[in-house]
Amino acid sequence: MIGIKDFGLFFTLSWVLIVSPGPDIIYVVTRSISLGKKAGILSSLGVTLGILIYALFASFGLSMVLKTSGMVFLGIKYTGAAYLIYLGIKTIIEGKKFEFEKERNINNNRIFIQGFLSNVFNPKVALFFMAFLPQFVNIKNANTNSMLTLMVLGLILAFCGLTFLLIIGYFSGYFSKYLLRNSKISQRLQYLSGLILIDLGIRLSFLKRS
């Protein structure tokens, strides 16, 4: 039996957290502006899949490993940081040869996987789910299936996040059409996108478990 406590509060807080500027929004907007709305949509889907993975981990209690094992936490954290920095450097290097038509020829699988990896290597997502979701499980009801309730809450949060990211990704990419027709602007956007990705990687490398 599903036992959700204070669903209205959960839903409201979820949207407050979702629309607050954070790494996911910055990442999707960056990819969308530099590669177009298709890349923004694919990045949104990849990022959300990463969220779902950690939602399932939280439901099964596997996220506790990240909280109790310093080595596992550090391994995931530094892998994710290195990956984001790598993407940033690669984006800057490719800025010189970037063309607007690249939006039509992007590798769908690569963009999707990059979005997925950017989130799945961020242990902060797992710790967030472990701290946030249990607050809305009605443990007073003996018939409550806590694991199922956590999964439902995670799915709701992921779906709301996906909806917002898709909107952000689509319109950011649509706006980029008018900017990327100018080669100088396109290169500067590529450089800026790369620097933002590197900044996200550096920030992640200083993330603490607390």
N, C-alpha and C. Protein backbone atom coordinates (compact mmCIF):
# COMPACT_ATOMS: atom_id res chain seq x y z
N MET A 1 0.84 -1.20 0.00
CA MET A 1 0.00 0.00 0.00
C MET A 1 0.88 1.25 0.00
N ILE A 2 0.53 2.19 -0.86
CA ILE A 2 1.29 3.43 -0.94
C ILE A 2 0.81 4.40 0.15
N GLY A 3 1.75 4.94 0.88
CA GLY A 3 1.41 5.88 1.94
C GLY A 3 2.19 7.17 1.80
N ILE A 4 1.65 8.14 1.06
CA ILE A 4 2.32 9.42 0.86
C ILE A 4 1.77 10.44 1.86
N LYS A 5 2.67 11.08 2.57
CA LYS A 5 2.29 12.07 3.57
C LYS A 5 2.48 13.48 3.01
N ASP A 6 1.49 14.33 3.20
CA ASP A 6 1.57 15.74 2.76
C ASP A 6 1.94 15.86 1.29
N PHE A 7 1.14 15.22 0.43
CA PHE A 7 1.45 15.21 -0.99
C PHE A 7 1.47 16.63 -1.58
N GLY A 8 0.57 17.48 -1.13
CA GLY A 8 0.53 18.86 -1.63
C GLY A 8 1.84 19.58 -1.35
N LEU A 9 2.38 19.40 -0.14
CA LEU A 9 3.64 20.02 0.23
C LEU A 9 4.78 19.43 -0.60
N PHE A 10 4.75 18.11 -0.78
CA PHE A 10 5.78 17.45 -1.59
C PHE A 10 5.78 17.98 -3.02
N PHE A 11 4.60 18.09 -3.60
CA PHE A 11 4.48 18.55 -4.99
C PHE A 11 4.96 20.00 -5.13
N THR A 12 4.57 20.82 -4.16
CA THR A 12 4.97 22.24 -4.20
C THR A 12 6.48 22.39 -4.06
N LEU A 13 7.05 21.71 -3.06
CA LEU A 13 8.49 21.80 -2.84
C LEU A 13 9.27 21.23 -4.02
N SER A 14 8.73 20.18 -4.63
CA SER A 14 9.40 19.58 -5.79
C SER A 14 9.55 20.60 -6.90
N TRP A 15 8.48 21.34 -7.18
CA TRP A 15 8.53 22.32 -8.26
C TRP A 15 9.42 23.50 -7.90
N VAL A 16 9.43 23.87 -6.61
CA VAL A 16 10.33 24.95 -6.18
C VAL A 16 11.78 24.54 -6.43
N LEU A 17 12.11 23.29 -6.10
CA LEU A 17 13.47 22.79 -6.31
C LEU A 17 13.79 22.66 -7.79
N ILE A 18 12.81 22.22 -8.57
CA ILE A 18 13.02 21.98 -10.00
C ILE A 18 13.32 23.27 -10.75
N VAL A 19 12.55 24.33 -10.45
CA VAL A 19 12.72 25.58 -11.21
C VAL A 19 13.87 26.43 -10.67
N SER A 20 14.43 26.04 -9.52
CA SER A 20 15.58 26.78 -8.99
C SER A 20 16.80 26.48 -9.85
N PRO A 21 17.53 27.52 -10.27
CA PRO A 21 18.71 27.30 -11.12
C PRO A 21 19.70 26.34 -10.47
N GLY A 22 20.07 25.32 -11.19
CA GLY A 22 20.98 24.31 -10.68
C GLY A 22 21.74 23.65 -11.81
N PRO A 23 22.58 22.68 -11.50
CA PRO A 23 23.41 22.01 -12.52
C PRO A 23 22.62 21.42 -13.69
N ASP A 24 21.47 20.81 -13.41
CA ASP A 24 20.69 20.19 -14.50
C ASP A 24 20.20 21.24 -15.49
N ILE A 25 19.65 22.32 -14.98
CA ILE A 25 19.15 23.39 -15.85
C ILE A 25 20.29 24.00 -16.64
N ILE A 26 21.39 24.30 -15.95
CA ILE A 26 22.54 24.91 -16.61
C ILE A 26 23.07 23.99 -17.71
N TYR A 27 23.14 22.69 -17.41
CA TYR A 27 23.67 21.73 -18.38
C TYR A 27 22.78 21.67 -19.62
N VAL A 28 21.47 21.54 -19.42
CA VAL A 28 20.54 21.44 -20.55
C VAL A 28 20.55 22.71 -21.38
N VAL A 29 20.51 23.87 -20.73
CA VAL A 29 20.52 25.13 -21.46
C VAL A 29 21.82 25.28 -22.25
N THR A 30 22.92 24.89 -21.64
CA THR A 30 24.23 24.98 -22.31
C THR A 30 24.26 24.13 -23.56
N ARG A 31 23.82 22.88 -23.47
CA ARG A 31 23.82 21.99 -24.62
C ARG A 31 22.83 22.45 -25.68
N SER A 32 21.70 22.99 -25.24
CA SER A 32 20.67 23.42 -26.17
C SER A 32 21.11 24.63 -26.97
N ILE A 33 21.72 25.59 -26.29
CA ILE A 33 22.16 26.82 -26.97
C ILE A 33 23.31 26.53 -27.93
N SER A 34 24.22 25.64 -27.52
CA SER A 34 25.39 25.39 -28.35
C SER A 34 25.12 24.41 -29.48
N LEU A 35 24.16 23.47 -29.29
CA LEU A 35 23.90 22.45 -30.31
C LEU A 35 22.48 22.46 -30.85
N GLY A 36 21.60 23.27 -30.30
CA GLY A 36 20.24 23.35 -30.80
C GLY A 36 19.22 22.64 -29.93
N LYS A 37 17.94 22.88 -30.22
CA LYS A 37 16.87 22.37 -29.36
C LYS A 37 16.81 20.85 -29.32
N LYS A 38 17.21 20.18 -30.41
CA LYS A 38 17.21 18.72 -30.41
C LYS A 38 18.17 18.18 -29.36
N ALA A 39 19.34 18.79 -29.27
CA ALA A 39 20.32 18.40 -28.26
C ALA A 39 19.79 18.72 -26.86
N GLY A 40 19.07 19.83 -26.73
CA GLY A 40 18.49 20.18 -25.44
C GLY A 40 17.47 19.16 -24.98
N ILE A 41 16.65 18.69 -25.91
CA ILE A 41 15.63 17.69 -25.57
C ILE A 41 16.29 16.36 -25.20
N LEU A 42 17.28 15.94 -25.99
CA LEU A 42 17.98 14.69 -25.71
C LEU A 42 18.74 14.76 -24.39
N SER A 43 19.34 15.90 -24.11
CA SER A 43 20.04 16.08 -22.84
C SER A 43 19.06 16.01 -21.67
N SER A 44 17.87 16.58 -21.86
CA SER A 44 16.84 16.52 -20.81
C SER A 44 16.45 15.09 -20.51
N LEU A 45 16.29 14.29 -21.55
CA LEU A 45 15.93 12.89 -21.37
C LEU A 45 17.05 12.12 -20.67
N GLY A 46 18.30 12.40 -21.06
CA GLY A 46 19.42 11.72 -20.44
C GLY A 46 19.58 12.09 -18.97
N VAL A 47 19.47 13.38 -18.68
CA VAL A 47 19.56 13.85 -17.31
C VAL A 47 18.48 13.21 -16.44
N THR A 48 17.27 13.13 -16.97
CA THR A 48 16.15 12.56 -16.21
C THR A 48 16.35 11.08 -15.96
N LEU A 49 16.94 10.36 -16.92
CA LEU A 49 17.22 8.94 -16.71
C LEU A 49 18.20 8.77 -15.55
N GLY A 50 19.19 9.67 -15.47
CA GLY A 50 20.11 9.64 -14.34
C GLY A 50 19.39 9.85 -13.02
N ILE A 51 18.41 10.75 -13.03
CA ILE A 51 17.61 11.00 -11.82
C ILE A 51 16.82 9.75 -11.43
N LEU A 52 16.25 9.08 -12.43
CA LEU A 52 15.47 7.87 -12.17
C LEU A 52 16.33 6.76 -11.57
N ILE A 53 17.57 6.65 -12.04
CA ILE A 53 18.47 5.64 -11.51
C ILE A 53 18.68 5.84 -10.01
N TYR A 54 18.92 7.08 -9.62
CA TYR A 54 19.14 7.35 -8.20
C TYR A 54 17.84 7.26 -7.40
N ALA A 55 16.71 7.54 -8.05
CA ALA A 55 15.42 7.37 -7.36
C ALA A 55 15.22 5.90 -7.01
N LEU A 56 15.58 5.01 -7.95
CA LEU A 56 15.49 3.57 -7.68
C LEU A 56 16.48 3.16 -6.61
N PHE A 57 17.70 3.72 -6.66
CA PHE A 57 18.69 3.41 -5.64
C PHE A 57 18.19 3.80 -4.26
N ALA A 58 17.58 4.98 -4.18
CA ALA A 58 17.05 5.45 -2.90
C ALA A 58 15.94 4.52 -2.41
N SER A 59 15.12 4.06 -3.34
CA SER A 59 14.00 3.19 -2.99
C SER A 59 14.49 1.86 -2.42
N PHE A 60 15.57 1.34 -2.96
CA PHE A 60 16.10 0.05 -2.53
C PHE A 60 17.14 0.19 -1.42
N GLY A 61 17.41 1.43 -1.00
CA GLY A 61 18.34 1.64 0.08
C GLY A 61 19.80 1.63 -0.32
N LEU A 62 20.08 1.54 -1.62
CA LEU A 62 21.47 1.47 -2.08
C LEU A 62 22.18 2.80 -1.92
N SER A 63 21.43 3.89 -1.85
CA SER A 63 22.06 5.20 -1.69
C SER A 63 22.80 5.31 -0.36
N MET A 64 22.41 4.47 0.61
CA MET A 64 23.07 4.50 1.91
C MET A 64 24.57 4.22 1.77
N VAL A 65 24.93 3.47 0.74
CA VAL A 65 26.34 3.17 0.50
C VAL A 65 27.13 4.45 0.27
N LEU A 66 26.53 5.38 -0.46
CA LEU A 66 27.20 6.65 -0.76
C LEU A 66 27.41 7.47 0.50
N LYS A 67 26.53 7.29 1.46
CA LYS A 67 26.63 8.07 2.69
C LYS A 67 27.61 7.45 3.67
N THR A 68 27.71 6.12 3.65
CA THR A 68 28.55 5.42 4.61
C THR A 68 29.94 5.08 4.08
N SER A 69 30.08 5.00 2.75
CA SER A 69 31.36 4.64 2.16
C SER A 69 32.01 5.85 1.51
N GLY A 70 33.06 6.35 2.16
CA GLY A 70 33.75 7.51 1.62
C GLY A 70 34.42 7.22 0.29
N MET A 71 34.97 6.03 0.14
CA MET A 71 35.66 5.67 -1.10
C MET A 71 34.70 5.66 -2.29
N VAL A 72 33.52 5.07 -2.11
CA VAL A 72 32.53 5.02 -3.19
C VAL A 72 32.08 6.42 -3.56
N PHE A 73 31.82 7.23 -2.54
CA PHE A 73 31.38 8.60 -2.78
C PHE A 73 32.42 9.38 -3.56
N LEU A 74 33.67 9.28 -3.12
CA LEU A 74 34.75 10.02 -3.79
C LEU A 74 34.95 9.52 -5.22
N GLY A 75 34.84 8.20 -5.40
CA GLY A 75 35.02 7.64 -6.74
C GLY A 75 33.99 8.18 -7.73
N ILE A 76 32.73 8.19 -7.31
CA ILE A 76 31.66 8.69 -8.18
C ILE A 76 31.80 10.19 -8.38
N LYS A 77 32.14 10.90 -7.31
CA LYS A 77 32.25 12.36 -7.39
C LYS A 77 33.34 12.78 -8.37
N TYR A 78 34.51 12.22 -8.23
CA TYR A 78 35.63 12.65 -9.08
C TYR A 78 35.48 12.16 -10.52
N THR A 79 34.82 11.01 -10.69
CA THR A 79 34.56 10.55 -12.06
C THR A 79 33.62 11.52 -12.76
N GLY A 80 32.56 11.93 -12.06
CA GLY A 80 31.61 12.89 -12.63
C GLY A 80 32.25 14.24 -12.89
N ALA A 81 33.07 14.71 -11.96
CA ALA A 81 33.74 16.00 -12.13
C ALA A 81 34.67 15.96 -13.35
N ALA A 82 35.44 14.88 -13.46
CA ALA A 82 36.37 14.75 -14.58
C ALA A 82 35.62 14.69 -15.91
N TYR A 83 34.47 14.03 -15.90
CA TYR A 83 33.69 13.90 -17.14
C TYR A 83 33.15 15.26 -17.59
N LEU A 84 32.64 16.05 -16.66
CA LEU A 84 32.12 17.37 -17.00
C LEU A 84 33.23 18.29 -17.49
N ILE A 85 34.38 18.22 -16.84
CA ILE A 85 35.51 19.04 -17.28
C ILE A 85 35.96 18.61 -18.68
N TYR A 86 35.95 17.30 -18.92
CA TYR A 86 36.31 16.78 -20.25
C TYR A 86 35.35 17.32 -21.32
N LEU A 87 34.05 17.29 -21.02
CA LEU A 87 33.07 17.81 -21.96
C LEU A 87 33.29 19.30 -22.21
N GLY A 88 33.63 20.03 -21.15
CA GLY A 88 33.86 21.46 -21.29
C GLY A 88 35.05 21.76 -22.18
N ILE A 89 36.14 21.05 -21.96
CA ILE A 89 37.34 21.24 -22.78
C ILE A 89 37.07 20.87 -24.23
N LYS A 90 36.35 19.76 -24.41
CA LYS A 90 36.02 19.31 -25.77
C LYS A 90 35.15 20.33 -26.48
N THR A 91 34.21 20.91 -25.76
CA THR A 91 33.32 21.92 -26.33
C THR A 91 34.10 23.15 -26.78
N ILE A 92 35.06 23.57 -25.95
CA ILE A 92 35.88 24.74 -26.31
C ILE A 92 36.73 24.45 -27.54
N ILE A 93 37.34 23.26 -27.58
CA ILE A 93 38.18 22.90 -28.72
C ILE A 93 37.38 22.84 -30.02
N GLU A 94 36.15 22.31 -29.93
CA GLU A 94 35.32 22.19 -31.12
C GLU A 94 34.68 23.51 -31.52
N GLY A 95 34.84 24.55 -30.69
CA GLY A 95 34.24 25.84 -30.98
C GLY A 95 34.73 26.45 -32.29
N LYS A 96 35.98 26.18 -32.65
CA LYS A 96 36.55 26.77 -33.85
C LYS A 96 35.92 26.22 -35.13
N LYS A 97 35.46 24.97 -35.06
CA LYS A 97 34.91 24.36 -36.27
C LYS A 97 33.40 24.20 -36.20
N PHE A 98 32.79 24.88 -35.21
CA PHE A 98 31.34 24.76 -35.03
C PHE A 98 30.58 25.47 -36.14
N GLU A 99 29.53 24.83 -36.63
CA GLU A 99 28.65 25.42 -37.63
C GLU A 99 27.21 25.20 -37.20
N PHE A 100 26.35 26.10 -37.62
CA PHE A 100 24.94 26.01 -37.24
C PHE A 100 24.31 24.70 -37.70
N GLU A 101 24.73 24.21 -38.86
CA GLU A 101 24.14 22.99 -39.40
C GLU A 101 24.42 21.78 -38.54
N LYS A 102 25.36 21.93 -37.59
CA LYS A 102 25.70 20.79 -36.74
C LYS A 102 24.49 20.30 -35.95
N GLU A 103 23.51 21.19 -35.74
CA GLU A 103 22.31 20.81 -35.00
C GLU A 103 21.60 19.65 -35.68
N ARG A 104 21.66 19.60 -37.01
CA ARG A 104 20.92 18.59 -37.74
C ARG A 104 21.68 17.27 -37.82
N ASN A 105 22.99 17.31 -37.49
CA ASN A 105 23.82 16.14 -37.66
C ASN A 105 24.38 15.61 -36.34
N ILE A 106 23.82 16.02 -35.23
CA ILE A 106 24.35 15.59 -33.95
C ILE A 106 24.07 14.10 -33.74
N ASN A 107 24.94 13.46 -32.99
CA ASN A 107 24.79 12.05 -32.66
C ASN A 107 23.79 11.92 -31.51
N ASN A 108 22.61 11.44 -31.83
CA ASN A 108 21.54 11.36 -30.82
C ASN A 108 21.95 10.55 -29.60
N ASN A 109 22.54 9.39 -29.85
CA ASN A 109 22.93 8.52 -28.74
C ASN A 109 23.99 9.18 -27.86
N ARG A 110 24.94 9.85 -28.50
CA ARG A 110 26.02 10.47 -27.73
C ARG A 110 25.49 11.58 -26.84
N ILE A 111 24.62 12.43 -27.37
CA ILE A 111 24.06 13.53 -26.59
C ILE A 111 23.24 12.98 -25.42
N PHE A 112 22.44 11.95 -25.68
CA PHE A 112 21.62 11.34 -24.64
C PHE A 112 22.50 10.75 -23.53
N ILE A 113 23.52 10.00 -23.93
CA ILE A 113 24.40 9.34 -22.97
C ILE A 113 25.17 10.37 -22.15
N GLN A 114 25.61 11.45 -22.80
CA GLN A 114 26.33 12.50 -22.08
C GLN A 114 25.45 13.12 -21.00
N GLY A 115 24.19 13.37 -21.33
CA GLY A 115 23.27 13.90 -20.33
C GLY A 115 23.07 12.94 -19.18
N PHE A 116 22.97 11.66 -19.50
CA PHE A 116 22.79 10.63 -18.48
C PHE A 116 24.01 10.56 -17.56
N LEU A 117 25.20 10.51 -18.15
CA LEU A 117 26.41 10.40 -17.35
C LEU A 117 26.66 11.63 -16.50
N SER A 118 26.28 12.80 -17.01
CA SER A 118 26.50 14.03 -16.25
C SER A 118 25.74 14.02 -14.93
N ASN A 119 24.65 13.27 -14.87
CA ASN A 119 23.85 13.22 -13.64
C ASN A 119 24.13 11.97 -12.81
N VAL A 120 24.34 10.85 -13.49
CA VAL A 120 24.52 9.60 -12.75
C VAL A 120 25.86 9.60 -12.00
N PHE A 121 26.81 10.45 -12.42
CA PHE A 121 28.08 10.56 -11.72
C PHE A 121 28.08 11.70 -10.71
N ASN A 122 26.89 12.18 -10.35
CA ASN A 122 26.77 13.22 -9.34
C ASN A 122 26.14 12.62 -8.09
N PRO A 123 26.93 12.22 -7.10
CA PRO A 123 26.39 11.57 -5.90
C PRO A 123 25.46 12.47 -5.10
N LYS A 124 25.52 13.78 -5.36
CA LYS A 124 24.64 14.70 -4.65
C LYS A 124 23.18 14.39 -4.95
N VAL A 125 22.91 13.88 -6.15
CA VAL A 125 21.54 13.52 -6.53
C VAL A 125 21.03 12.41 -5.63
N ALA A 126 21.88 11.40 -5.40
CA ALA A 126 21.49 10.27 -4.55
C ALA A 126 21.24 10.73 -3.12
N LEU A 127 22.13 11.57 -2.61
CA LEU A 127 21.97 12.05 -1.23
C LEU A 127 20.72 12.91 -1.09
N PHE A 128 20.39 13.66 -2.15
CA PHE A 128 19.19 14.48 -2.13
C PHE A 128 17.94 13.60 -2.01
N PHE A 129 17.88 12.56 -2.85
CA PHE A 129 16.73 11.67 -2.81
C PHE A 129 16.61 10.99 -1.44
N MET A 130 17.75 10.59 -0.89
CA MET A 130 17.75 9.88 0.38
C MET A 130 17.29 10.79 1.52
N ALA A 131 17.57 12.08 1.40
CA ALA A 131 17.20 13.02 2.45
C ALA A 131 15.79 13.58 2.26
N PHE A 132 15.39 13.79 1.01
CA PHE A 132 14.14 14.50 0.71
C PHE A 132 12.92 13.56 0.69
N LEU A 133 13.01 12.48 -0.07
CA LEU A 133 11.84 11.62 -0.27
C LEU A 133 11.29 10.98 1.00
N PRO A 134 12.12 10.47 1.90
CA PRO A 134 11.58 9.81 3.10
C PRO A 134 10.72 10.72 3.98
N GLN A 135 10.88 12.05 3.84
CA GLN A 135 10.09 12.97 4.64
C GLN A 135 8.60 12.89 4.33
N PHE A 136 8.27 12.29 3.19
CA PHE A 136 6.87 12.25 2.75
C PHE A 136 6.32 10.83 2.69
N VAL A 137 6.96 9.93 3.43
CA VAL A 137 6.47 8.56 3.55
C VAL A 137 5.74 8.43 4.88
N ASN A 138 4.50 7.97 4.83
CA ASN A 138 3.68 7.82 6.03
C ASN A 138 4.06 6.53 6.75
N ILE A 139 5.06 6.60 7.62
CA ILE A 139 5.54 5.40 8.30
C ILE A 139 4.63 4.99 9.46
N LYS A 140 3.67 5.84 9.81
CA LYS A 140 2.75 5.51 10.91
C LYS A 140 1.76 4.43 10.49
N ASN A 141 1.54 4.31 9.19
CA ASN A 141 0.62 3.29 8.68
C ASN A 141 1.37 1.98 8.52
N ALA A 142 0.98 0.98 9.26
CA ALA A 142 1.67 -0.31 9.23
C ALA A 142 1.58 -0.98 7.87
N ASN A 143 0.56 -0.63 7.09
CA ASN A 143 0.37 -1.26 5.78
C ASN A 143 1.14 -0.55 4.66
N THR A 144 1.84 0.51 5.01
CA THR A 144 2.57 1.27 4.00
C THR A 144 3.78 0.50 3.48
N ASN A 145 3.90 0.43 2.18
CA ASN A 145 5.07 -0.17 1.54
C ASN A 145 6.04 0.98 1.26
N SER A 146 7.02 1.13 2.14
CA SER A 146 7.93 2.28 2.05
C SER A 146 8.69 2.31 0.73
N MET A 147 9.16 1.15 0.29
CA MET A 147 9.94 1.10 -0.94
C MET A 147 9.10 1.54 -2.13
N LEU A 148 7.86 1.05 -2.20
CA LEU A 148 6.97 1.42 -3.30
C LEU A 148 6.63 2.91 -3.24
N THR A 149 6.41 3.41 -2.03
CA THR A 149 6.09 4.83 -1.87
C THR A 149 7.25 5.70 -2.33
N LEU A 150 8.47 5.32 -1.98
CA LEU A 150 9.65 6.08 -2.40
C LEU A 150 9.79 6.06 -3.92
N MET A 151 9.49 4.93 -4.54
CA MET A 151 9.57 4.82 -5.99
C MET A 151 8.57 5.74 -6.67
N VAL A 152 7.34 5.77 -6.13
CA VAL A 152 6.30 6.63 -6.69
C VAL A 152 6.68 8.10 -6.55
N LEU A 153 7.18 8.47 -5.37
CA LEU A 153 7.61 9.85 -5.16
C LEU A 153 8.75 10.22 -6.11
N GLY A 154 9.69 9.30 -6.28
CA GLY A 154 10.81 9.54 -7.19
C GLY A 154 10.35 9.70 -8.63
N LEU A 155 9.40 8.89 -9.04
CA LEU A 155 8.87 8.97 -10.41
C LEU A 155 8.14 10.30 -10.64
N ILE A 156 7.37 10.73 -9.64
CA ILE A 156 6.65 12.00 -9.75
C ILE A 156 7.64 13.16 -9.89
N LEU A 157 8.66 13.15 -9.03
CA LEU A 157 9.67 14.21 -9.06
C LEU A 157 10.42 14.22 -10.39
N ALA A 158 10.77 13.02 -10.89
CA ALA A 158 11.49 12.91 -12.16
C ALA A 158 10.62 13.38 -13.32
N PHE A 159 9.35 13.04 -13.31
CA PHE A 159 8.44 13.45 -14.39
C PHE A 159 8.28 14.96 -14.42
N CYS A 160 8.12 15.57 -13.24
CA CYS A 160 7.99 17.03 -13.17
C CYS A 160 9.28 17.68 -13.66
N GLY A 161 10.42 17.12 -13.24
CA GLY A 161 11.70 17.66 -13.68
C GLY A 161 11.88 17.55 -15.18
N LEU A 162 11.48 16.41 -15.74
CA LEU A 162 11.60 16.21 -17.19
C LEU A 162 10.75 17.21 -17.95
N THR A 163 9.54 17.45 -17.48
CA THR A 163 8.64 18.41 -18.13
C THR A 163 9.28 19.79 -18.20
N PHE A 164 9.84 20.22 -17.08
CA PHE A 164 10.45 21.55 -17.04
C PHE A 164 11.70 21.62 -17.91
N LEU A 165 12.54 20.57 -17.84
CA LEU A 165 13.78 20.57 -18.62
C LEU A 165 13.50 20.53 -20.12
N LEU A 166 12.46 19.80 -20.52
CA LEU A 166 12.10 19.75 -21.94
C LEU A 166 11.68 21.13 -22.44
N ILE A 167 10.92 21.83 -21.63
CA ILE A 167 10.49 23.19 -22.00
C ILE A 167 11.70 24.11 -22.12
N ILE A 168 12.57 24.05 -21.12
CA ILE A 168 13.78 24.87 -21.11
C ILE A 168 14.67 24.53 -22.30
N GLY A 169 14.88 23.23 -22.52
CA GLY A 169 15.75 22.80 -23.61
C GLY A 169 15.22 23.19 -24.98
N TYR A 170 13.92 23.05 -25.16
CA TYR A 170 13.31 23.36 -26.46
C TYR A 170 13.42 24.84 -26.78
N PHE A 171 13.00 25.68 -25.85
CA PHE A 171 12.98 27.11 -26.14
C PHE A 171 14.38 27.73 -26.15
N SER A 172 15.30 27.17 -25.37
CA SER A 172 16.68 27.65 -25.44
C SER A 172 17.26 27.35 -26.81
N GLY A 173 16.99 26.15 -27.33
CA GLY A 173 17.46 25.79 -28.65
C GLY A 173 16.80 26.60 -29.75
N TYR A 174 15.54 26.89 -29.58
CA TYR A 174 14.82 27.69 -30.58
C TYR A 174 15.40 29.09 -30.65
N PHE A 175 15.72 29.64 -29.48
CA PHE A 175 16.32 30.98 -29.43
C PHE A 175 17.71 30.97 -30.04
N SER A 176 18.41 29.84 -29.90
CA SER A 176 19.78 29.77 -30.40
C SER A 176 19.85 29.87 -31.92
N LYS A 177 18.77 29.55 -32.62
CA LYS A 177 18.78 29.64 -34.08
C LYS A 177 19.14 31.05 -34.56
N TYR A 178 18.66 32.03 -33.82
CA TYR A 178 18.88 33.41 -34.23
C TYR A 178 20.27 33.91 -33.83
N LEU A 179 20.90 33.18 -32.91
CA LEU A 179 22.22 33.58 -32.46
C LEU A 179 23.33 32.87 -33.24
N LEU A 180 23.09 31.60 -33.55
CA LEU A 180 24.14 30.78 -34.13
C LEU A 180 24.37 31.02 -35.61
N ARG A 181 23.53 31.81 -36.25
CA ARG A 181 23.75 32.11 -37.67
C ARG A 181 24.98 32.99 -37.85
N ASN A 182 25.37 33.66 -36.79
CA ASN A 182 26.59 34.47 -36.81
C ASN A 182 27.73 33.61 -36.28
N SER A 183 28.75 33.35 -37.10
CA SER A 183 29.82 32.44 -36.72
C SER A 183 30.57 32.91 -35.48
N LYS A 184 30.79 34.23 -35.35
CA LYS A 184 31.51 34.74 -34.19
C LYS A 184 30.72 34.50 -32.90
N ILE A 185 29.40 34.74 -32.99
CA ILE A 185 28.56 34.51 -31.81
C ILE A 185 28.54 33.03 -31.46
N SER A 186 28.46 32.18 -32.48
CA SER A 186 28.41 30.74 -32.25
C SER A 186 29.68 30.26 -31.55
N GLN A 187 30.83 30.77 -31.96
CA GLN A 187 32.08 30.37 -31.33
C GLN A 187 32.14 30.84 -29.88
N ARG A 188 31.68 32.07 -29.66
CA ARG A 188 31.69 32.58 -28.29
C ARG A 188 30.75 31.79 -27.39
N LEU A 189 29.61 31.38 -27.95
CA LEU A 189 28.68 30.55 -27.19
C LEU A 189 29.29 29.19 -26.87
N GLN A 190 30.04 28.64 -27.83
CA GLN A 190 30.73 27.37 -27.59
C GLN A 190 31.74 27.51 -26.46
N TYR A 191 32.52 28.59 -26.50
CA TYR A 191 33.51 28.82 -25.45
C TYR A 191 32.84 28.99 -24.10
N LEU A 192 31.76 29.77 -24.08
CA LEU A 192 31.03 30.01 -22.84
C LEU A 192 30.44 28.70 -22.31
N SER A 193 29.87 27.90 -23.20
CA SER A 193 29.30 26.61 -22.81
C SER A 193 30.37 25.71 -22.21
N GLY A 194 31.54 25.70 -22.85
CA GLY A 194 32.64 24.89 -22.34
C GLY A 194 33.09 25.33 -20.96
N LEU A 195 33.19 26.64 -20.76
CA LEU A 195 33.61 27.16 -19.46
C LEU A 195 32.59 26.83 -18.38
N ILE A 196 31.30 26.87 -18.73
CA ILE A 196 30.25 26.54 -17.76
C ILE A 196 30.35 25.08 -17.36
N LEU A 197 30.57 24.20 -18.33
CA LEU A 197 30.70 22.77 -18.04
C LEU A 197 31.92 22.52 -17.14
N ILE A 198 33.02 23.19 -17.43
CA ILE A 198 34.22 23.05 -16.60
C ILE A 198 33.94 23.54 -15.18
N ASP A 199 33.21 24.65 -15.08
CA ASP A 199 32.86 25.20 -13.76
C ASP A 199 32.00 24.21 -12.97
N LEU A 200 31.05 23.57 -13.65
CA LEU A 200 30.21 22.57 -12.98
C LEU A 200 31.06 21.41 -12.48
N GLY A 201 32.03 20.99 -13.30
CA GLY A 201 32.91 19.90 -12.90
C GLY A 201 33.75 20.26 -11.68
N ILE A 202 34.26 21.49 -11.66
CA ILE A 202 35.07 21.93 -10.53
C ILE A 202 34.22 22.01 -9.27
N ARG A 203 33.01 22.54 -9.41
CA ARG A 203 32.10 22.63 -8.26
C ARG A 203 31.79 21.24 -7.70
N LEU A 204 31.56 20.28 -8.60
CA LEU A 204 31.25 18.92 -8.17
C LEU A 204 32.43 18.30 -7.44
N SER A 205 33.66 18.62 -7.86
CA SER A 205 34.84 18.03 -7.24
C SER A 205 35.01 18.47 -5.79
N PHE A 206 34.39 19.61 -5.41
CA PHE A 206 34.48 20.11 -4.04
C PHE A 206 33.23 19.74 -3.22
N LEU A 207 32.34 18.93 -3.79
CA LEU A 207 31.13 18.53 -3.09
C LEU A 207 31.48 17.67 -1.87
N LYS A 208 30.83 17.96 -0.75
CA LYS A 208 31.05 17.18 0.48
C LYS A 208 29.81 16.35 0.78
N ARG A 209 30.01 15.23 1.41
CA ARG A 209 28.89 14.34 1.71
C ARG A 209 27.89 14.99 2.65
N SER A 210 28.33 15.88 3.51
CA SER A 210 27.41 16.53 4.44
C SER A 210 26.44 17.44 3.75
